[in-house]
Protein backbone atom coordinates (compact mmCIF):
# COMPACT_ATOMS: atom_id res chain seq x y z
CA UNK A 1 32.74 58.31 40.35
CA UNK A 2 32.74 59.34 36.71
CA UNK A 3 35.01 58.92 33.70
CA UNK A 4 37.67 61.38 32.51
CA UNK A 5 36.49 64.36 34.64
CA UNK A 6 35.14 64.82 38.15
CA UNK A 7 34.72 67.44 40.87
CA UNK A 8 38.48 67.75 41.34
CA UNK A 9 39.25 68.47 37.68
CA UNK A 10 41.03 71.79 37.18
CA UNK A 11 40.24 73.26 33.78
CA UNK A 12 41.95 75.86 31.62
CA UNK A 13 40.33 77.39 28.55
CA UNK A 14 42.49 77.84 25.47
CA UNK A 15 40.97 80.83 23.68
CA UNK A 16 39.22 82.12 26.83
CA UNK A 17 39.61 85.76 25.76
CA UNK A 18 37.66 85.18 22.53
CA UNK A 19 33.89 85.59 22.35
CA UNK A 20 33.13 81.84 22.31
CA UNK A 21 35.72 81.10 24.96
CA UNK A 22 34.38 83.79 27.28
CA UNK A 23 30.76 82.77 26.76
CA UNK A 24 31.35 79.11 27.49
CA UNK A 25 33.75 79.78 30.36
CA UNK A 26 30.88 81.65 31.99
CA UNK A 27 28.57 78.67 31.41
CA UNK A 28 31.12 76.18 32.73
CA UNK A 29 31.69 78.25 35.87
CA UNK A 30 27.95 78.55 36.44
CA UNK A 31 27.63 74.77 36.40
CA UNK A 32 30.33 74.35 39.05
CA UNK A 33 33.34 73.53 36.89
CA UNK A 34 36.69 74.47 38.45
CA UNK A 35 37.96 76.76 35.69
CA UNK A 36 41.34 78.03 36.90
CA UNK A 37 42.60 80.12 33.99
CA UNK A 38 42.95 80.60 30.27
CA UNK A 39 45.58 80.58 27.55
CA UNK A 40 45.88 83.16 24.78
CA UNK A 41 49.36 83.65 23.28
CA UNK A 42 50.43 87.27 23.65
CA UNK A 43 47.96 88.06 26.41
CA UNK A 44 49.82 86.37 29.29
CA UNK A 45 49.76 88.35 32.52
CA UNK A 46 46.29 89.73 31.97
CA UNK A 47 43.20 88.57 33.82
CA UNK A 48 39.59 88.26 32.78
CA UNK A 49 36.63 89.08 35.02
CA UNK A 50 33.83 86.57 34.46
CA UNK A 51 30.84 87.18 36.69
CA UNK A 52 33.09 88.49 39.46
CA UNK A 53 35.71 85.75 39.22
CA UNK A 54 39.17 86.89 38.18
CA UNK A 55 40.78 84.32 35.90
CA UNK A 56 44.46 84.65 34.94
CA UNK A 57 45.54 84.44 31.30
CA UNK A 58 48.77 82.69 30.27
CA UNK A 59 50.80 82.63 27.06
CA UNK A 60 51.26 78.87 27.04
CA UNK A 61 49.64 75.77 28.49
CA UNK A 62 52.89 74.91 30.31
CA UNK A 63 52.75 78.25 32.14
CA UNK A 64 49.10 77.67 33.02
CA UNK A 65 49.81 74.20 34.41
CA UNK A 66 52.74 75.47 36.46
CA UNK A 67 50.67 78.24 38.02
CA UNK A 68 47.33 76.51 38.50
CA UNK A 69 47.87 72.76 38.54
CA UNK A 70 45.37 72.37 35.71
CA UNK A 71 44.80 68.85 34.45
CA UNK A 72 42.17 69.49 31.73
CA UNK A 73 42.21 71.90 28.82
CA UNK A 74 39.27 72.84 26.61
CA UNK A 75 40.02 74.39 23.22
CA UNK A 76 37.85 77.24 21.88
CA UNK A 77 40.34 78.36 19.24
CA UNK A 78 39.49 79.16 15.56
CA UNK A 79 40.23 76.32 13.13
CA UNK A 80 43.42 77.74 11.65
CA UNK A 81 45.01 78.11 15.11
CA UNK A 82 43.64 74.91 16.64
CA UNK A 83 46.52 72.64 15.61
CA UNK A 84 49.07 74.91 17.32
CA UNK A 85 46.87 75.14 20.42
CA UNK A 86 46.54 71.37 20.76
CA UNK A 87 50.26 70.81 20.17
CA UNK A 88 50.99 73.38 22.87
CA UNK A 89 48.83 71.34 25.28
CA UNK A 90 50.47 68.05 24.26
CA UNK A 91 53.97 69.52 24.70
CA UNK A 92 52.95 70.64 28.20
CA UNK A 93 51.80 67.02 28.94
CA UNK A 94 48.22 68.09 29.65
CA UNK A 95 46.43 64.85 30.58
CA UNK A 96 43.11 65.65 28.87
CA UNK A 97 42.46 68.06 25.97
CA UNK A 98 38.87 68.63 24.83
CA UNK A 99 38.78 70.17 21.34
CA UNK A 100 35.43 71.87 20.71
CA UNK A 101 36.45 73.65 17.49
CA UNK A 102 34.55 72.72 14.32
CA UNK A 103 36.06 72.93 10.86
CA UNK A 104 39.64 71.93 11.67
CA UNK A 105 41.30 70.57 8.49
CA UNK A 106 41.48 66.76 8.65
CA UNK A 107 45.24 66.80 8.07
CA UNK A 108 45.64 69.06 11.12
CA UNK A 109 43.53 66.75 13.27
CA UNK A 110 45.46 63.74 12.00
CA UNK A 111 48.73 65.46 12.83
CA UNK A 112 47.93 66.42 16.41
CA UNK A 113 46.23 63.07 17.11
CA UNK A 114 49.30 61.19 15.87
CA UNK A 115 51.50 63.57 17.89
CA UNK A 116 49.47 62.81 21.04
CA UNK A 117 50.01 59.09 20.50
CA UNK A 118 53.72 59.63 19.93
CA UNK A 119 54.10 61.60 23.17
CA UNK A 120 51.82 59.23 25.10
CA UNK A 121 50.71 61.60 27.84
CA UNK A 122 47.62 63.37 26.44
CA UNK A 123 44.10 62.09 25.77
CA UNK A 124 42.20 64.09 23.15
CA UNK A 125 38.41 64.31 22.99
CA UNK A 126 37.12 65.75 19.71
CA UNK A 127 37.58 67.75 17.61
CA UNK A 128 34.17 69.11 16.53
CA UNK A 129 32.49 67.86 19.67
CA UNK A 130 30.35 69.27 22.49
CA UNK A 131 32.76 68.05 25.17
CA UNK A 132 31.77 66.07 28.22
CA UNK A 133 29.93 66.45 31.47
CA UNK A 134 29.88 64.61 34.77
CA UNK A 135 26.67 66.18 36.14
CA UNK A 136 27.00 68.09 39.43
CA UNK A 137 30.79 67.60 39.25
CA UNK A 138 32.34 69.12 36.13
CA UNK A 139 31.25 70.31 32.70
CA UNK A 140 33.93 70.80 30.03
CA UNK A 141 32.66 72.18 26.72
CA UNK A 142 29.24 73.35 25.56
CA UNK A 143 26.84 70.72 26.92
CA UNK A 144 23.91 72.31 28.80
CA UNK A 145 24.31 71.54 32.49
CA UNK A 146 20.68 71.99 33.49
CA UNK A 147 19.04 69.23 31.41
CA UNK A 148 19.94 66.27 33.59
CA UNK A 149 21.37 65.19 36.93
CA UNK A 150 23.94 62.83 38.36
CA UNK A 151 23.02 59.17 37.98
CA UNK A 152 24.05 55.68 36.88
CA UNK A 153 23.96 55.94 33.06
CA UNK A 154 27.05 56.42 30.90
CA UNK A 155 26.57 58.05 27.51
CA UNK A 156 28.90 58.20 24.51
CA UNK A 157 27.76 59.91 21.34
CA UNK A 158 29.04 61.10 17.98
CA UNK A 159 26.31 63.74 17.78
CA UNK A 160 26.13 66.77 20.04
CA UNK A 161 22.42 67.35 19.52
CA UNK A 162 21.56 63.73 20.21
CA UNK A 163 23.74 63.86 23.33
CA UNK A 164 21.52 66.63 24.67
CA UNK A 165 18.31 64.87 23.64
CA UNK A 166 19.28 61.62 25.34
CA UNK A 167 20.35 63.43 28.50
CA UNK A 168 16.98 65.19 28.55
CA UNK A 169 14.97 62.03 27.79
CA UNK A 170 16.58 60.26 30.76
CA UNK A 171 16.96 63.33 33.02
CA UNK A 172 14.99 61.80 35.89
CA UNK A 173 17.49 58.91 36.11
CA UNK A 174 20.71 60.83 35.42
CA UNK A 175 24.22 60.22 34.14
CA UNK A 176 27.66 59.40 35.53
CA UNK A 177 29.30 61.05 32.52
CA UNK A 178 28.12 61.99 29.02
CA UNK A 179 30.84 62.21 26.37
CA UNK A 180 30.41 63.78 22.95
CA UNK A 181 33.27 62.34 20.91
CA UNK A 182 32.60 64.26 17.68
CA UNK A 183 31.85 63.05 14.20
CA UNK A 184 34.90 64.05 12.18
CA UNK A 185 36.81 61.38 10.26
CA UNK A 186 39.75 61.71 12.67
CA UNK A 187 38.94 61.95 16.39
CA UNK A 188 40.93 61.25 19.54
CA UNK A 189 38.70 59.39 22.01
CA UNK A 190 36.50 56.72 20.41
CA UNK A 191 33.34 54.82 21.32
CA UNK A 192 35.58 51.96 22.42
CA UNK A 193 37.65 54.17 24.75
CA UNK A 194 34.48 55.36 26.46
CA UNK A 195 32.90 51.91 26.61
CA UNK A 196 36.00 50.57 28.34
CA UNK A 197 36.02 53.45 30.84
CA UNK A 198 32.30 53.00 31.60
CA UNK A 199 32.77 49.24 31.98
CA UNK A 200 35.53 49.91 34.53
CA UNK A 201 33.61 52.67 36.38
CA UNK A 202 31.83 51.18 39.43
CA UNK A 203 29.16 53.88 39.48
CA UNK A 204 28.06 53.39 35.86
CA UNK A 205 25.50 50.60 35.70
CA UNK A 206 24.29 50.86 32.08
CA UNK A 207 25.52 52.54 28.90
CA UNK A 208 23.91 54.41 25.99
CA UNK A 209 25.92 54.50 22.77
CA UNK A 210 24.87 56.84 19.95
CA UNK A 211 26.43 56.45 16.53
CA UNK A 212 25.66 57.57 13.03
CA UNK A 213 26.01 56.40 9.47
CA UNK A 214 29.41 56.31 7.80
CA UNK A 215 32.63 54.52 8.58
CA UNK A 216 32.90 51.42 10.73
CA UNK A 217 33.33 52.83 14.25
CA UNK A 218 30.06 51.34 15.48
CA UNK A 219 30.85 47.91 14.04
CA UNK A 220 34.21 47.97 15.82
CA UNK A 221 32.48 49.07 19.02
CA UNK A 222 30.05 46.16 18.67
CA UNK A 223 32.95 43.70 18.48
CA UNK A 224 34.47 45.30 21.61
CA UNK A 225 31.16 45.10 23.49
CA UNK A 226 30.82 41.42 22.64
CA UNK A 227 34.27 40.67 23.99
CA UNK A 228 34.68 43.05 26.93
CA UNK A 229 31.52 44.80 28.13
CA UNK A 230 29.32 43.01 30.65
CA UNK A 231 27.07 45.97 31.53
CA UNK A 232 23.86 46.46 29.55
CA UNK A 233 24.23 48.69 26.49
CA UNK A 234 21.50 50.33 24.44
CA UNK A 235 22.23 52.01 21.15
CA UNK A 236 20.92 54.38 18.52
CA UNK A 237 22.29 54.94 15.05
CA UNK A 238 21.37 58.21 13.37
CA UNK A 239 20.66 58.10 9.66
CA UNK A 240 18.12 55.34 8.96
CA UNK A 241 16.46 57.54 6.33
CA UNK A 242 19.67 58.77 4.69
CA UNK A 243 19.90 58.10 0.93
CA UNK A 244 22.65 55.69 -0.09
CA UNK A 245 25.77 57.23 -1.66
CA UNK A 246 25.15 60.74 -0.31
CA UNK A 247 27.37 62.46 2.25
CA UNK A 248 25.23 63.43 5.23
CA UNK A 249 25.90 65.74 8.15
CA UNK A 250 29.26 65.17 9.82
CA UNK A 251 32.34 64.92 7.67
CA UNK A 252 32.68 61.28 8.64
CA UNK A 253 29.18 60.23 7.63
CA UNK A 254 29.89 58.74 4.22
CA UNK A 255 28.05 55.60 3.12
CA UNK A 256 29.09 53.34 0.26
CA UNK A 257 27.12 50.21 -0.56
CA UNK A 258 26.14 48.36 2.62
CA UNK A 259 29.21 49.61 4.48
CA UNK A 260 28.40 52.28 7.05
CA UNK A 261 24.61 52.08 6.77
CA UNK A 262 22.39 52.52 9.82
CA UNK A 263 20.91 49.06 9.31
CA UNK A 264 24.33 47.44 9.04
CA UNK A 265 25.44 49.12 12.26
CA UNK A 266 22.17 48.17 14.01
CA UNK A 267 22.66 44.54 12.96
CA UNK A 268 26.25 44.47 14.25
CA UNK A 269 25.26 45.98 17.58
CA UNK A 270 22.30 43.65 18.06
CA UNK A 271 24.52 40.66 17.29
CA UNK A 272 26.67 41.82 20.22
CA UNK A 273 23.67 41.90 22.54
CA UNK A 274 22.99 45.64 22.32
CA UNK A 275 19.34 46.71 22.24
CA UNK A 276 19.04 49.30 19.44
CA UNK A 277 16.22 51.84 19.16
CA UNK A 278 14.82 53.12 15.88
CA UNK A 279 14.50 56.62 17.41
CA UNK A 280 16.15 58.42 20.31
CA UNK A 281 12.91 58.20 22.32
CA UNK A 282 12.67 54.45 21.76
CA UNK A 283 16.30 54.12 22.80
CA UNK A 284 15.51 55.95 26.03
CA UNK A 285 12.58 53.60 26.64
CA UNK A 286 14.86 50.60 26.18
CA UNK A 287 17.18 52.03 28.86
CA UNK A 288 14.25 52.61 31.20
CA UNK A 289 13.18 48.99 30.77
CA UNK A 290 16.69 47.76 31.59
CA UNK A 291 16.85 49.90 34.75
CA UNK A 292 13.24 49.20 35.74
CA UNK A 293 12.37 52.88 35.53
C-alpha cells in the first residue's frame, strides 16, 4: 500500500517535450514509473523516444486520458503557461495533478486551486514541489529514486531538499510514500491531507512531518494530529535560526511576531504529542527510537 500513487498509477507528463520534462521523464521511467505519454499543445500526434521507449504526445490532457487511461499528471510547464496546463487537467477530470513548476504567480495558483475545488474531481500537489514517491512502485516528479527503499514510514514535507535528506537518513528502514507538498503560500495538498491519508494507510506505521517557518500550517496540522492521528509522528521545523521579521526561503515563509516561528510551531506540535527534532538528523533518530531501529 501507499498513498496517492502506487505501482498501477499511469502517468502523463505535461511539458514532456521540453528540456526539463524530457529529463525528468527519463528519470521517472528509470525508477519504474508507468509513464504512458505526454501533453504539449500543438505537438499532438508526435512521439518522443526516451531511452528506447516511444511515448505518444497529445494536444490535451483529455486526449491523453482517452488514449492511455492515465490517472496522474505531472506538470513541467514554464510558469506563465502553468495555469492553463493545470486547468486543462482539471477540465479533463484528471484525479491527481502534481505541479512541479516553481515561480507560478500566486494569483494563478489561487485560481487553479479554487477551480479544482469547484470541480471536485482533481487533487493538486504543489506547486513548487518535488512531487511524491512510493519507493519501488511509482515516482512522480523530481525526487531521487535511489536514496531509499520501500518501508513503513510516511513522510510529508514543505521542503524538497529536506525531503531528500530525511529519505536518505532513514534509507535502511524505508518509506511507504514521501510527499513534497511545496512551500508556496497557496498549495493544493496540505500537511493535514497527507496526515489523514497516512493514518488511513495500513502499511504506514509512523509518520515524519517536516514544516518550516511562516504561516500557521504546522499549528493547524498539530491540532489535526491531536484529534485524529493515532500513529506516532515525529516532526522537524526548518528555520530555528531565522531572524524575526525577515522573509526567508519559500514565498510562504514569512514570520511576524511570535506567529509562524519555528519555536511556536515546535511547541504546538509537542503539545499534540509529536516528538520534534532540532535538526533533521535528530528527527531521524527520534523516528529510529520509535521503530526500535
